[in-house]
C-alpha atoms as a PDB file:
ATOM      1  CA  UNK A   1      12.564   2.095   0.157  1.00  0.00           C
ATOM      2  CA  UNK A   2       9.929   4.836   0.307  1.00  0.00           C
ATOM      3  CA  UNK A   3       7.589   4.639   3.299  1.00  0.00           C
ATOM      4  CA  UNK A   4       4.676   6.881   4.202  1.00  0.00           C
ATOM      5  CA  UNK A   5       3.542   6.602   7.872  1.00  0.00           C
ATOM      6  CA  UNK A   6      -0.112   7.540   9.065  1.00  0.00           C
ATOM      7  CA  UNK A   7      -0.672   8.507  12.525  1.00  0.00           C
ATOM      8  CA  UNK A   8      -3.553   7.876  14.917  1.00  0.00           C
ATOM      9  CA  UNK A   9      -6.647   8.071  12.984  1.00  0.00           C
ATOM     10  CA  UNK A  10      -9.474   7.508  15.754  1.00  0.00           C
ATOM     11  CA  UNK A  11     -12.075   7.036  12.851  1.00  0.00           C
ATOM     12  CA  UNK A  12     -10.833   9.595  10.409  1.00  0.00           C
ATOM     13  CA  UNK A  13     -10.629   8.601   6.919  1.00  0.00           C
ATOM     14  CA  UNK A  14      -8.224  11.031   5.370  1.00  0.00           C
ATOM     15  CA  UNK A  15      -5.834   8.026   4.901  1.00  0.00           C
ATOM     16  CA  UNK A  16      -8.001   7.442   1.872  1.00  0.00           C
ATOM     17  CA  UNK A  17      -6.247  10.600  -0.234  1.00  0.00           C
ATOM     18  CA  UNK A  18      -2.830   8.713  -0.344  1.00  0.00           C
ATOM     19  CA  UNK A  19      -1.707   7.077  -3.547  1.00  0.00           C
ATOM     20  CA  UNK A  20      -0.296   3.932  -2.163  1.00  0.00           C
ATOM     21  CA  UNK A  21       1.157   3.306  -5.318  1.00  0.00           C
ATOM     22  CA  UNK A  22       3.520   5.924  -5.039  1.00  0.00           C
ATOM     23  CA  UNK A  23       5.271   3.988  -1.995  1.00  0.00           C
ATOM     24  CA  UNK A  24       6.891   0.924  -1.278  1.00  0.00           C
ATOM     25  CA  UNK A  25       5.461   0.598   2.352  1.00  0.00           C
ATOM     26  CA  UNK A  26       2.370   1.961   3.879  1.00  0.00           C
ATOM     27  CA  UNK A  27       2.398   1.943   7.606  1.00  0.00           C
ATOM     28  CA  UNK A  28      -0.368   2.699   9.909  1.00  0.00           C
ATOM     29  CA  UNK A  29       0.781   3.336  13.525  1.00  0.00           C
ATOM     30  CA  UNK A  30      -2.559   2.010  15.162  1.00  0.00           C
ATOM     31  CA  UNK A  31      -5.443   3.777  17.221  1.00  0.00           C
ATOM     32  CA  UNK A  32      -7.684   3.092  14.388  1.00  0.00           C
ATOM     33  CA  UNK A  33     -10.827   3.557  16.771  1.00  0.00           C
ATOM     34  CA  UNK A  34     -12.303   5.861  19.770  1.00  0.00           C
ATOM     35  CA  UNK A  35     -12.984   9.235  18.340  1.00  0.00           C
ATOM     36  CA  UNK A  36     -14.729  11.774  20.606  1.00  0.00           C
ATOM     37  CA  UNK A  37     -17.304  12.830  18.370  1.00  0.00           C
ATOM     38  CA  UNK A  38     -17.551  10.621  15.260  1.00  0.00           C
ATOM     39  CA  UNK A  39     -20.333   8.081  15.205  1.00  0.00           C
ATOM     40  CA  UNK A  40     -20.027   4.419  15.608  1.00  0.00           C
ATOM     41  CA  UNK A  41     -20.989   3.607  12.280  1.00  0.00           C
ATOM     42  CA  UNK A  42     -18.404   5.641  10.545  1.00  0.00           C
ATOM     43  CA  UNK A  43     -15.482   4.615  13.113  1.00  0.00           C
ATOM     44  CA  UNK A  44     -16.464   0.941  12.231  1.00  0.00           C
ATOM     45  CA  UNK A  45     -16.668   1.325   8.458  1.00  0.00           C
ATOM     46  CA  UNK A  46     -13.394   3.232   8.336  1.00  0.00           C
ATOM     47  CA  UNK A  47     -11.727   0.291  10.232  1.00  0.00           C
ATOM     48  CA  UNK A  48     -13.116  -2.406   7.673  1.00  0.00           C
ATOM     49  CA  UNK A  49     -11.807  -0.253   4.924  1.00  0.00           C
ATOM     50  CA  UNK A  50      -8.334  -0.241   6.186  1.00  0.00           C
ATOM     51  CA  UNK A  51      -8.470  -3.886   6.906  1.00  0.00           C
ATOM     52  CA  UNK A  52      -9.706  -4.379   3.227  1.00  0.00           C
ATOM     53  CA  UNK A  53      -6.785  -2.198   2.055  1.00  0.00           C
ATOM     54  CA  UNK A  54      -4.256  -4.498   4.072  1.00  0.00           C
ATOM     55  CA  UNK A  55      -5.915  -7.672   2.610  1.00  0.00           C
ATOM     56  CA  UNK A  56      -5.530  -6.312  -0.751  1.00  0.00           C
ATOM     57  CA  UNK A  57      -2.041  -5.165  -0.291  1.00  0.00           C
ATOM     58  CA  UNK A  58      -0.542  -7.489   2.279  1.00  0.00           C
ATOM     59  CA  UNK A  59       3.245  -6.970   1.655  1.00  0.00           C
ATOM     60  CA  UNK A  60       2.911  -3.161   1.205  1.00  0.00           C
ATOM     61  CA  UNK A  61       0.638  -2.287   3.929  1.00  0.00           C
ATOM     62  CA  UNK A  62       1.571  -2.510   7.881  1.00  0.00           C
ATOM     63  CA  UNK A  63      -1.167  -2.192  10.343  1.00  0.00           C
ATOM     64  CA  UNK A  64       0.309  -1.502  13.843  1.00  0.00           C
ATOM     65  CA  UNK A  65      -1.868  -1.845  17.045  1.00  0.00           C
ATOM     66  CA  UNK A  66      -2.316   1.351  19.293  1.00  0.00           C
ATOM     67  CA  UNK A  67      -3.456   1.173  23.006  1.00  0.00           C
ATOM     68  CA  UNK A  68      -7.008   2.139  21.740  1.00  0.00           C
ATOM     69  CA  UNK A  69      -7.345  -1.033  19.570  1.00  0.00           C
ATOM     70  CA  UNK A  70      -5.593  -3.307  22.064  1.00  0.00           C
ATOM     71  CA  UNK A  71      -8.413  -2.508  24.842  1.00  0.00           C
ATOM     72  CA  UNK A  72     -10.897  -4.155  22.135  1.00  0.00           C
ATOM     73  CA  UNK A  73      -8.613  -6.935  20.986  1.00  0.00           C
ATOM     74  CA  UNK A  74      -7.940  -8.308  24.343  1.00  0.00           C
ATOM     75  CA  UNK A  75     -11.124  -7.032  26.161  1.00  0.00           C
ATOM     76  CA  UNK A  76     -11.479  -6.575  29.220  1.00  0.00           C
ATOM     77  CA  UNK A  77      -7.780  -6.103  29.635  1.00  0.00           C
ATOM     78  CA  UNK A  78      -5.943  -2.960  29.107  1.00  0.00           C
ATOM     79  CA  UNK A  79      -8.999  -0.341  28.961  1.00  0.00           C
ATOM     80  CA  UNK A  80      -8.249   3.427  28.331  1.00  0.00           C
ATOM     81  CA  UNK A  81      -9.921   6.454  27.957  1.00  0.00           C
ATOM     82  CA  UNK A  82     -12.654   6.654  25.013  1.00  0.00           C
ATOM     83  CA  UNK A  83     -13.546   3.229  25.561  1.00  0.00           C
ATOM     84  CA  UNK A  84     -17.041   2.921  23.605  1.00  0.00           C
ATOM     85  CA  UNK A  85     -19.075  -0.032  25.564  1.00  0.00           C
ATOM     86  CA  UNK A  86     -21.600   0.025  22.900  1.00  0.00           C
ATOM     87  CA  UNK A  87     -19.122  -0.879  20.216  1.00  0.00           C
ATOM     88  CA  UNK A  88     -17.043  -3.433  22.210  1.00  0.00           C
ATOM     89  CA  UNK A  89     -18.447  -6.674  21.004  1.00  0.00           C
ATOM     90  CA  UNK A  90     -18.547  -5.591  17.504  1.00  0.00           C
ATOM     91  CA  UNK A  91     -14.756  -4.215  17.609  1.00  0.00           C
ATOM     92  CA  UNK A  92     -13.484  -7.186  19.794  1.00  0.00           C
ATOM     93  CA  UNK A  93     -15.113  -9.536  17.042  1.00  0.00           C
ATOM     94  CA  UNK A  94     -13.475  -7.657  14.248  1.00  0.00           C
ATOM     95  CA  UNK A  95      -9.899  -7.384  15.607  1.00  0.00           C
ATOM     96  CA  UNK A  96      -9.746 -11.068  16.498  1.00  0.00           C
ATOM     97  CA  UNK A  97     -11.275 -12.076  13.209  1.00  0.00           C
ATOM     98  CA  UNK A  98      -8.403 -10.242  11.527  1.00  0.00           C
ATOM     99  CA  UNK A  99      -5.733 -10.827  14.084  1.00  0.00           C
ATOM    100  CA  UNK A 100      -3.054 -11.810  11.859  1.00  0.00           C
ATOM    101  CA  UNK A 101      -3.130  -8.746  10.169  1.00  0.00           C
ATOM    102  CA  UNK A 102      -2.029  -6.611  12.743  1.00  0.00           C
ATOM    103  CA  UNK A 103       1.237  -6.189  14.449  1.00  0.00           C
ATOM    104  CA  UNK A 104       2.874  -4.318  17.176  1.00  0.00           C
ATOM    105  CA  UNK A 105       5.891  -3.018  15.210  1.00  0.00           C
ATOM    106  CA  UNK A 106       7.731  -2.797  11.985  1.00  0.00           C
ATOM    107  CA  UNK A 107      11.406  -2.393  11.653  1.00  0.00           C
ATOM    108  CA  UNK A 108      13.591  -1.592   8.569  1.00  0.00           C
ATOM    109  CA  UNK A 109      17.055  -1.644   9.526  1.00  0.00           C
ATOM    110  CA  UNK A 110      17.672   0.824  12.356  1.00  0.00           C
ATOM    111  CA  UNK A 111      14.177   2.399  11.831  1.00  0.00           C
ATOM    112  CA  UNK A 112      11.729   1.137  14.031  1.00  0.00           C
ATOM    113  CA  UNK A 113       7.902   1.965  13.856  1.00  0.00           C
ATOM    114  CA  UNK A 114       5.425   1.426  16.438  1.00  0.00           C
ATOM    115  CA  UNK A 115       2.353   3.192  18.295  1.00  0.00           C
ATOM    116  CA  UNK A 116       4.159   4.763  21.303  1.00  0.00           C
ATOM    117  CA  UNK A 117       7.633   3.593  21.178  1.00  0.00           C
ATOM    118  CA  UNK A 118      10.437   1.810  22.985  1.00  0.00           C
ATOM    119  CA  UNK A 119      12.862   3.480  25.657  1.00  0.00           C
ATOM    120  CA  UNK A 120      16.260   1.605  26.812  1.00  0.00           C
ATOM    121  CA  UNK A 121      14.728   0.912  30.224  1.00  0.00           C
ATOM    122  CA  UNK A 122      11.444  -0.621  29.159  1.00  0.00           C
ATOM    123  CA  UNK A 123      13.297  -2.539  26.400  1.00  0.00           C
ATOM    124  CA  UNK A 124      15.827  -4.011  29.141  1.00  0.00           C
ATOM    125  CA  UNK A 125      12.865  -5.108  31.119  1.00  0.00           C
ATOM    126  CA  UNK A 126      11.310  -6.658  28.196  1.00  0.00           C
ATOM    127  CA  UNK A 127      14.371  -8.824  27.579  1.00  0.00           C
ATOM    128  CA  UNK A 128      14.368  -9.869  30.878  1.00  0.00           C
ATOM    129  CA  UNK A 129      10.949 -11.749  30.701  1.00  0.00           C
ATOM    130  CA  UNK A 130      11.661 -15.640  30.831  1.00  0.00           C
ATOM    131  CA  UNK A 131       9.622 -16.018  27.413  1.00  0.00           C
ATOM    132  CA  UNK A 132      12.374 -14.256  25.517  1.00  0.00           C
ATOM    133  CA  UNK A 133      14.481 -17.486  25.622  1.00  0.00           C
ATOM    134  CA  UNK A 134      11.657 -19.401  24.516  1.00  0.00           C
ATOM    135  CA  UNK A 135      10.405 -17.226  21.380  1.00  0.00           C
ATOM    136  CA  UNK A 136      13.620 -15.653  20.422  1.00  0.00           C
ATOM    137  CA  UNK A 137      15.320 -16.764  16.930  1.00  0.00           C
ATOM    138  CA  UNK A 138      18.948 -15.712  16.480  1.00  0.00           C
ATOM    139  CA  UNK A 139      17.681 -13.732  13.293  1.00  0.00           C
ATOM    140  CA  UNK A 140      14.889 -11.654  15.024  1.00  0.00           C
ATOM    141  CA  UNK A 141      15.134  -7.944  15.096  1.00  0.00           C
ATOM    142  CA  UNK A 142      13.377  -5.784  17.903  1.00  0.00           C
ATOM    143  CA  UNK A 143      10.181  -5.882  15.829  1.00  0.00           C
ATOM    144  CA  UNK A 144      10.117  -9.643  15.513  1.00  0.00           C
ATOM    145  CA  UNK A 145      10.371  -9.856  19.317  1.00  0.00           C
ATOM    146  CA  UNK A 146       7.757  -7.446  20.155  1.00  0.00           C
ATOM    147  CA  UNK A 147       5.184  -9.019  17.528  1.00  0.00           C
ATOM    148  CA  UNK A 148       5.987 -12.610  19.109  1.00  0.00           C
ATOM    149  CA  UNK A 149       5.684 -11.429  22.597  1.00  0.00           C
ATOM    150  CA  UNK A 150       2.223 -10.137  21.866  1.00  0.00           C
ATOM    151  CA  UNK A 151       1.199 -13.481  20.863  1.00  0.00           C
ATOM    152  CA  UNK A 152       1.817 -15.016  24.397  1.00  0.00           C
ATOM    153  CA  UNK A 153       0.290 -14.741  27.717  1.00  0.00           C
ATOM    154  CA  UNK A 154       3.085 -12.297  28.544  1.00  0.00           C
ATOM    155  CA  UNK A 155       1.983  -9.393  26.426  1.00  0.00           C
ATOM    156  CA  UNK A 156       1.143  -7.397  29.533  1.00  0.00           C
ATOM    157  CA  UNK A 157       4.394  -5.415  29.529  1.00  0.00           C
ATOM    158  CA  UNK A 158       3.878  -4.119  25.934  1.00  0.00           C
ATOM    159  CA  UNK A 159       0.675  -2.711  27.079  1.00  0.00           C
ATOM    160  CA  UNK A 160       1.527  -1.435  30.328  1.00  0.00           C
ATOM    161  CA  UNK A 161       1.038   2.430  31.008  1.00  0.00           C
ATOM    162  CA  UNK A 162       3.869   4.200  32.639  1.00  0.00           C
ATOM    163  CA  UNK A 163       3.909   6.932  35.249  1.00  0.00           C
ATOM    164  CA  UNK A 164       3.873   9.512  32.714  1.00  0.00           C
ATOM    165  CA  UNK A 165       0.162   8.162  31.844  1.00  0.00           C
ATOM    166  CA  UNK A 166      -1.066   7.305  35.180  1.00  0.00           C
ATOM    167  CA  UNK A 167       0.193   3.787  35.515  1.00  0.00           C
ATOM    168  CA  UNK A 168       3.548   2.197  37.104  1.00  0.00           C
ATOM    169  CA  UNK A 169       6.953   1.986  36.011  1.00  0.00           C
ATOM    170  CA  UNK A 170       7.888   2.779  32.365  1.00  0.00           C
ATOM    171  CA  UNK A 171       5.144   2.729  29.455  1.00  0.00           C
ATOM    172  CA  UNK A 172       5.262   0.002  26.927  1.00  0.00           C
ATOM    173  CA  UNK A 173       5.479   0.095  23.495  1.00  0.00           C
ATOM    174  CA  UNK A 174       1.699   0.879  23.013  1.00  0.00           C
ATOM    175  CA  UNK A 175       1.625   3.224  25.994  1.00  0.00           C
ATOM    176  CA  UNK A 176       5.122   5.278  26.225  1.00  0.00           C
ATOM    177  CA  UNK A 177       4.961   8.744  26.599  1.00  0.00           C
ATOM    178  CA  UNK A 178       7.000  11.417  24.392  1.00  0.00           C
ATOM    179  CA  UNK A 179       8.642  12.505  27.813  1.00  0.00           C
ATOM    180  CA  UNK A 180       9.940   9.242  28.457  1.00  0.00           C
ATOM    181  CA  UNK A 181      11.117   8.708  25.085  1.00  0.00           C
ATOM    182  CA  UNK A 182      12.958  11.817  24.835  1.00  0.00           C
ATOM    183  CA  UNK A 183      14.558  11.244  28.256  1.00  0.00           C
ATOM    184  CA  UNK A 184      15.688   7.713  27.377  1.00  0.00           C
ATOM    185  CA  UNK A 185      15.665   7.106  23.517  1.00  0.00           C
ATOM    186  CA  UNK A 186      16.638   3.652  22.372  1.00  0.00           C
ATOM    187  CA  UNK A 187      19.961   3.650  21.652  1.00  0.00           C
ATOM    188  CA  UNK A 188      21.061   3.387  17.866  1.00  0.00           C
ATOM    189  CA  UNK A 189      17.586   3.257  16.511  1.00  0.00           C
ATOM    190  CA  UNK A 190      15.400   6.044  14.944  1.00  0.00           C
ATOM    191  CA  UNK A 191      11.976   5.724  15.881  1.00  0.00           C
ATOM    192  CA  UNK A 192       8.741   6.869  14.302  1.00  0.00           C
ATOM    193  CA  UNK A 193       5.618   7.067  16.734  1.00  0.00           C
ATOM    194  CA  UNK A 194       2.170   8.217  17.166  1.00  0.00           C
ATOM    195  CA  UNK A 195       0.383   8.286  20.584  1.00  0.00           C
ATOM    196  CA  UNK A 196       1.630  11.642  22.157  1.00  0.00           C
ATOM    197  CA  UNK A 197      -0.504  14.363  20.462  1.00  0.00           C
ATOM    198  CA  UNK A 198       1.356  17.060  18.906  1.00  0.00           C
ATOM    199  CA  UNK A 199       0.420  20.137  16.890  1.00  0.00           C
ATOM    200  CA  UNK A 200       2.984  19.617  14.231  1.00  0.00           C
ATOM    201  CA  UNK A 201       5.726  16.725  13.752  1.00  0.00           C
ATOM    202  CA  UNK A 202       8.374  17.031  16.332  1.00  0.00           C
ATOM    203  CA  UNK A 203      12.005  15.218  16.129  1.00  0.00           C
ATOM    204  CA  UNK A 204      14.086  14.583  19.186  1.00  0.00           C
ATOM    205  CA  UNK A 205      17.509  13.809  18.474  1.00  0.00           C
ATOM    206  CA  UNK A 206      20.293  11.935  20.479  1.00  0.00           C
ATOM    207  CA  UNK A 207      24.009  10.936  19.506  1.00  0.00           C
ATOM    208  CA  UNK A 208      22.978   8.147  17.101  1.00  0.00           C
ATOM    209  CA  UNK A 209      19.245   7.893  17.928  1.00  0.00           C
ATOM    210  CA  UNK A 210      16.036   9.939  17.235  1.00  0.00           C
ATOM    211  CA  UNK A 211      12.414   9.795  17.579  1.00  0.00           C
ATOM    212  CA  UNK A 212       9.972  11.517  15.294  1.00  0.00           C
ATOM    213  CA  UNK A 213       6.406  12.154  16.596  1.00  0.00           C
ATOM    214  CA  UNK A 214       3.438  12.274  14.075  1.00  0.00           C
ATOM    215  CA  UNK A 215       0.279  12.243  16.111  1.00  0.00           C
ATOM    216  CA  UNK A 216      -0.873  15.523  14.123  1.00  0.00           C
ATOM    217  CA  UNK A 217      -4.150  14.438  12.648  1.00  0.00           C
ATOM    218  CA  UNK A 218      -6.336  16.594  15.345  1.00  0.00           C
ATOM    219  CA  UNK A 219      -4.667  19.699  13.993  1.00  0.00           C
ATOM    220  CA  UNK A 220      -3.787  18.862  10.238  1.00  0.00           C
ATOM    221  CA  UNK A 221      -3.831  16.432   7.539  1.00  0.00           C
ATOM    222  CA  UNK A 222      -0.204  15.206   7.300  1.00  0.00           C
ATOM    223  CA  UNK A 223       1.914  11.806   6.675  1.00  0.00           C
ATOM    224  CA  UNK A 224       5.118  11.240   7.328  1.00  0.00           C
ATOM    225  CA  UNK A 225       7.377  10.348   4.231  1.00  0.00           C
ATOM    226  CA  UNK A 226      10.540   8.770   4.765  1.00  0.00           C
ATOM    227  CA  UNK A 227      13.197   6.710   2.644  1.00  0.00           C
ATOM    228  CA  UNK A 228      14.615   3.866   4.723  1.00  0.00           C
END
């Protein structure tokens, strides 16, 4: 399947240039809001247009959540930099009204897509949560478990900032830093993530695993394409 992956937009509308008919899957990695200079109205309009794209292409388009989206969806929890108090009520209402359209992760075989990524250490902590036994189905993959967990009161681990980002422990799937992922790549999986800003696409490789960092939209208009 031909995938195109869109990094952290923060209100930018450059995604409109994509011919979605040329792809089997269009994956947004989250952080749709909280630009440092774009006006509120432009950010909100762009979010609405992305939601409309998803509604019109439910099977093709995947909308993943980033830490900047989560802080509005679950306000007042998980606050981070860039928060716009004047937009809080509007964004919280919009994210909640369309909650079923958003996910934490998308997986295709050994390829895992999320906002910030998954490390071995964090994933082992995640699997030890008591709720896993309650929500896990024998056919679930990693993305299924992450998406189910975010629907529970134990979602806090998914949205925890680690030491590399001023928090404690290891960063969760919406907060993991590139340094954490490079040091502890999830074994056997090839991840595509945003979150950590980079001037160009960077790929870290292990023996049977890799992480591709694509948060480049502050420096260039580029969308990552992959067949998997």
